Protein backbone atom coordinates (compact mmCIF):
# COMPACT_ATOMS: atom_id res chain seq x y z
CA MET A 1 88.12 108.85 116.08
CA LEU A 2 88.51 109.67 112.41
CA LEU A 3 85.69 107.41 111.13
CA GLU A 4 83.70 106.86 114.31
CA ASN A 5 80.46 104.90 113.65
CA LYS A 6 80.79 105.39 109.87
CA LYS A 7 79.46 102.39 108.10
CA VAL A 8 81.91 101.34 105.41
CA LEU A 9 81.04 98.84 102.61
CA ILE A 10 84.28 97.22 101.27
CA THR A 11 84.36 94.81 98.34
CA GLY A 12 87.22 92.35 98.26
CA ALA A 13 87.44 92.67 101.96
CA GLY A 14 88.84 89.26 102.72
CA ARG A 15 92.21 89.70 101.16
CA GLY A 16 95.10 92.04 100.39
CA ILE A 17 94.36 95.75 100.30
CA GLY A 18 90.62 95.26 100.95
CA ARG A 19 91.40 93.23 104.15
CA GLN A 20 93.92 95.87 105.37
CA THR A 21 91.52 98.66 104.65
CA ALA A 22 88.76 96.99 106.72
CA ILE A 23 91.23 96.57 109.62
CA ASP A 24 92.59 100.15 109.48
CA MET A 25 89.12 101.65 109.09
CA ALA A 26 88.00 99.58 112.10
CA LYS A 27 90.91 101.11 114.05
CA ALA A 28 89.54 104.52 113.08
CA GLY A 29 86.19 103.68 114.56
CA ALA A 30 84.23 102.54 111.48
CA ILE A 31 81.67 99.83 111.31
CA ILE A 32 82.75 97.36 108.61
CA LEU A 33 80.47 95.77 106.00
CA GLY A 34 82.82 93.41 104.23
CA VAL A 35 81.98 91.37 101.08
CA GLY A 36 84.00 89.00 98.95
CA ARG A 37 83.76 85.78 96.87
CA THR A 38 84.53 83.37 99.69
CA GLN A 39 83.55 83.27 103.33
CA ALA A 40 86.73 81.96 105.02
CA PRO A 41 88.93 85.06 104.33
CA LEU A 42 86.04 87.31 105.45
CA ASP A 43 85.75 85.35 108.73
CA GLU A 44 89.48 85.89 109.26
CA MET A 45 89.16 89.56 108.60
CA ALA A 46 86.11 89.80 110.87
CA SER A 47 87.95 88.08 113.67
CA LYS A 48 90.75 90.64 113.45
CA VAL A 49 88.20 93.56 113.52
CA LYS A 50 86.49 92.11 116.54
CA GLU A 51 89.82 91.72 118.29
CA LEU A 52 90.12 95.49 117.88
CA GLY A 53 86.71 95.97 119.46
CA GLY A 54 85.07 96.84 116.13
CA ARG A 55 81.67 95.97 114.64
CA VAL A 56 81.64 93.93 111.48
CA TYR A 57 79.17 92.35 109.18
CA THR A 58 80.19 90.00 106.22
CA ALA A 59 78.60 88.26 103.29
CA THR A 60 79.70 86.49 100.21
CA MET A 61 78.75 88.28 97.04
CA ASP A 62 79.45 88.18 93.28
CA VAL A 63 80.05 91.79 92.17
CA ALA A 64 79.64 90.66 88.62
CA ASP A 65 75.96 89.86 89.27
CA TYR A 66 73.84 93.00 89.74
CA GLU A 67 70.88 91.19 91.43
CA ASP A 68 73.20 89.31 93.84
CA SER A 69 74.92 92.65 94.67
CA LYS A 70 71.61 94.30 95.28
CA ARG A 71 70.27 91.55 97.61
CA VAL A 72 73.48 91.39 99.63
CA ILE A 73 74.22 95.18 99.95
CA ASN A 74 70.65 95.95 100.92
CA GLY A 75 70.69 93.18 103.49
CA LEU A 76 73.91 94.40 105.00
CA ALA A 77 72.63 98.00 105.02
CA ASP A 78 69.52 96.85 106.86
CA GLU A 79 71.69 95.11 109.47
CA ALA A 80 74.10 97.98 109.99
CA GLY A 81 71.68 100.85 109.63
CA GLY A 82 72.93 102.30 106.34
CA ILE A 83 76.13 102.88 104.38
CA ASP A 84 78.26 106.02 104.64
CA ILE A 85 81.39 105.04 102.69
CA LEU A 86 82.07 102.67 99.84
CA VAL A 87 85.46 101.20 98.91
CA ASN A 88 85.46 99.34 95.59
CA CYS A 89 88.45 97.05 95.92
CA ALA A 90 87.39 93.77 94.34
CA ALA A 91 89.34 92.84 91.26
CA ILE A 92 90.95 90.02 89.32
CA PHE A 93 94.37 90.17 87.72
CA GLU A 94 94.93 87.43 85.11
CA GLU A 95 97.76 87.58 82.62
CA ALA A 96 97.11 87.26 78.89
CA PHE A 97 98.65 89.09 76.01
CA PHE A 98 96.07 90.77 73.84
CA ILE A 99 96.83 88.83 70.67
CA ASP A 100 96.21 85.56 72.54
CA MET A 101 93.35 86.78 74.78
CA THR A 102 89.96 84.97 74.33
CA PRO A 103 86.70 86.82 74.52
CA GLN A 104 85.91 84.83 77.70
CA GLN A 105 89.11 86.11 79.36
CA TRP A 106 88.42 89.68 78.41
CA GLN A 107 84.77 89.54 79.59
CA ARG A 108 85.67 87.77 82.89
CA THR A 109 87.92 90.73 83.83
CA VAL A 110 85.47 93.40 82.59
CA SER A 111 82.61 91.71 84.50
CA ILE A 112 84.48 92.06 87.80
CA ASP A 113 86.86 94.94 87.46
CA LEU A 114 84.53 97.32 85.63
CA ASP A 115 80.94 96.05 85.70
CA GLY A 116 81.38 95.12 89.40
CA VAL A 117 82.18 98.75 90.16
CA TYR A 118 79.02 99.84 88.37
CA HIS A 119 76.87 97.22 90.16
CA VAL A 120 78.04 97.97 93.60
CA THR A 121 78.16 101.73 93.24
CA HIS A 122 74.71 101.94 91.59
CA VAL A 123 73.13 99.89 94.39
CA THR A 124 74.93 101.72 97.20
CA LEU A 125 74.28 105.21 95.81
CA PRO A 126 70.95 105.94 97.58
CA TYR A 127 72.56 105.21 100.91
CA LEU A 128 75.63 107.41 100.08
CA ILE A 129 73.40 110.31 98.99
CA LYS A 130 71.46 110.07 102.16
CA ALA A 131 74.68 110.03 104.22
CA ARG A 132 76.42 112.63 102.03
CA GLY A 133 79.12 110.08 101.90
CA ALA A 134 82.26 109.12 100.03
CA VAL A 135 83.50 106.48 97.54
CA VAL A 136 87.09 105.39 97.08
CA ASN A 137 87.77 103.27 94.03
CA VAL A 138 91.00 101.24 94.05
CA VAL A 139 92.51 101.43 90.53
CA SER A 140 96.11 100.87 89.44
CA GLN A 141 99.07 102.61 88.05
CA ASP A 142 98.60 100.36 85.05
CA ALA A 143 95.67 102.55 84.03
CA PHE A 144 98.10 105.38 83.33
CA TYR A 145 101.11 103.78 81.57
CA GLY A 146 99.82 100.29 80.66
CA CYS A 147 101.19 96.89 81.44
CA PRO A 148 101.98 94.20 78.86
CA GLY A 149 99.91 91.12 79.41
CA TYR A 150 97.20 93.01 81.30
CA SER A 151 95.40 95.10 78.63
CA HIS A 152 91.97 94.05 79.93
CA TYR A 153 92.88 94.96 83.55
CA ALA A 154 94.53 98.27 82.53
CA ALA A 155 91.49 99.20 80.41
CA CYS A 156 89.07 98.49 83.24
CA LYS A 157 91.06 100.53 85.69
CA ALA A 158 91.33 103.49 83.35
CA ALA A 159 87.59 103.30 82.75
CA VAL A 160 87.01 103.44 86.53
CA VAL A 161 89.08 106.57 86.72
CA GLY A 162 86.85 108.17 84.08
CA LEU A 163 83.72 106.96 85.93
CA THR A 164 85.01 108.38 89.19
CA ARG A 165 85.72 111.84 87.79
CA THR A 166 82.38 111.92 86.03
CA LEU A 167 80.39 110.92 89.08
CA ALA A 168 82.31 113.41 91.16
CA LYS A 169 80.71 116.10 89.08
CA GLU A 170 77.33 114.50 88.92
CA LEU A 171 77.09 113.75 92.64
CA GLY A 172 78.92 116.67 94.10
CA PRO A 173 75.67 118.62 94.55
CA ASP A 174 74.35 115.70 96.63
CA GLY A 175 77.34 115.90 98.93
CA VAL A 176 78.93 112.66 97.67
CA ARG A 177 82.73 112.71 97.05
CA LEU A 178 84.48 110.08 94.82
CA ASN A 179 88.17 109.54 94.51
CA CYS A 180 90.62 106.86 93.43
CA VAL A 181 93.76 105.32 94.89
CA ALA A 182 96.07 103.93 92.24
CA PRO A 183 98.50 101.44 93.86
CA GLY A 184 101.84 100.46 92.33
CA ILE A 185 103.25 97.05 92.83
CA THR A 186 102.05 95.92 96.27
CA GLU A 187 102.68 92.68 98.04
CA THR A 188 99.32 90.88 98.06
CA GLU A 189 98.05 87.41 97.14
CA MET A 190 97.01 88.76 93.71
CA THR A 191 100.59 89.92 92.85
CA LYS A 192 102.79 87.38 94.60
CA ASP A 193 103.71 85.54 91.39
CA ARG A 194 104.74 88.81 89.61
CA ILE A 195 106.77 89.83 92.54
CA ALA A 196 108.45 86.41 92.95
CA THR A 197 109.75 86.46 89.37
CA GLY A 198 110.52 90.20 89.03
CA LYS A 199 111.30 91.61 92.47
CA GLU A 200 114.78 92.93 91.55
CA GLY A 201 113.42 94.63 88.44
CA TYR A 202 110.69 96.37 90.49
CA LEU A 203 113.13 97.53 93.10
CA GLU A 204 115.29 99.13 90.50
CA LYS A 205 112.33 101.32 89.51
CA LEU A 206 111.21 102.26 93.04
CA PRO A 207 112.76 105.37 94.49
CA VAL A 208 111.42 104.40 97.95
CA GLY A 209 113.46 101.21 97.78
CA HIS A 210 110.87 98.62 98.68
CA ILE A 211 107.74 96.84 97.42
CA GLY A 212 104.48 98.36 98.57
CA GLN A 213 102.61 96.88 101.53
CA PRO A 214 98.86 96.81 102.01
CA GLU A 215 99.06 99.12 104.88
CA GLU A 216 100.60 101.83 102.71
CA ILE A 217 97.71 101.67 100.35
CA ALA A 218 95.00 101.42 103.06
CA SER A 219 96.28 104.60 104.70
CA ALA A 220 95.50 106.55 101.52
CA ILE A 221 92.07 104.98 101.26
CA VAL A 222 91.23 105.83 104.84
CA TYR A 223 92.36 109.43 104.32
CA LEU A 224 90.23 109.98 101.19
CA ALA A 225 87.20 108.42 102.91
CA SER A 226 87.59 110.68 105.91
CA PRO A 227 86.47 114.22 106.69
CA LYS A 228 90.06 115.32 106.43
CA ALA A 229 89.66 114.97 102.64
CA SER A 230 86.40 116.97 102.56
CA TYR A 231 87.78 119.34 99.78
CA ILE A 232 89.04 116.45 97.56
CA THR A 233 86.96 114.90 94.88
CA GLY A 234 87.45 113.52 91.48
CA GLN A 235 91.13 112.87 92.12
CA VAL A 236 93.66 110.10 91.94
CA ILE A 237 96.26 109.49 94.67
CA HIS A 238 99.16 107.57 93.20
CA ALA A 239 100.50 105.31 95.99
CA ASN A 240 103.20 103.64 94.00
CA GLY A 241 106.63 104.35 95.64
CA GLY A 242 107.57 106.69 92.75
CA MET A 243 107.50 104.00 90.15
CA TYR A 244 105.03 106.09 88.13
CA LEU A 245 105.15 109.91 88.38
CA GLY A 246 101.99 111.20 86.85
């Protein structure tokens, strides 16, 4: 199997793209270490993984809190026997035009969508170096062409792209690969309101003719995390149905 016995830490594993990634990686033979803000969605994901015959460990964690991230990640790594792959998927997506945005709104998004990536990656790095592992950061097409009402989100995702490319150079000699997947509009709980009000507009911009599904993003994440992508690092795969052609 493609990821047999690989121990994969996934943030935001209870919902949307993170949930689907956990399920698809379990199908590929991985051992899942799933974290999220609330336990119930993690339990549902874990139940699905177990139905597939997979091993799974879960814990609630606040990625915006470095010490909480450190405690939880180290505990999961002790249970599972290490970490080979990291998927940074946790994010928030709250609309506010920049002129009206409060410092609290800006900082809340930065604390999760950017600081959270730093916290989780920094804590996980010793395990990844030992494993000569891989990181996949889930960003967004918004990082490349912007999105009115989401300046804080787009700025964070663009920063994660820069972080990924820099760490690919820093950590390449240690055998660690880092890449990004940049989804376009994808049908998840986080985007359901946008899709409900603008579906026809999105479809007009999508050459593939449909809104993205979590499975379509997860497949790119699984590939980049796998040995099949051993010669790929510091890159961005745009999984967006052709809406953005970068």
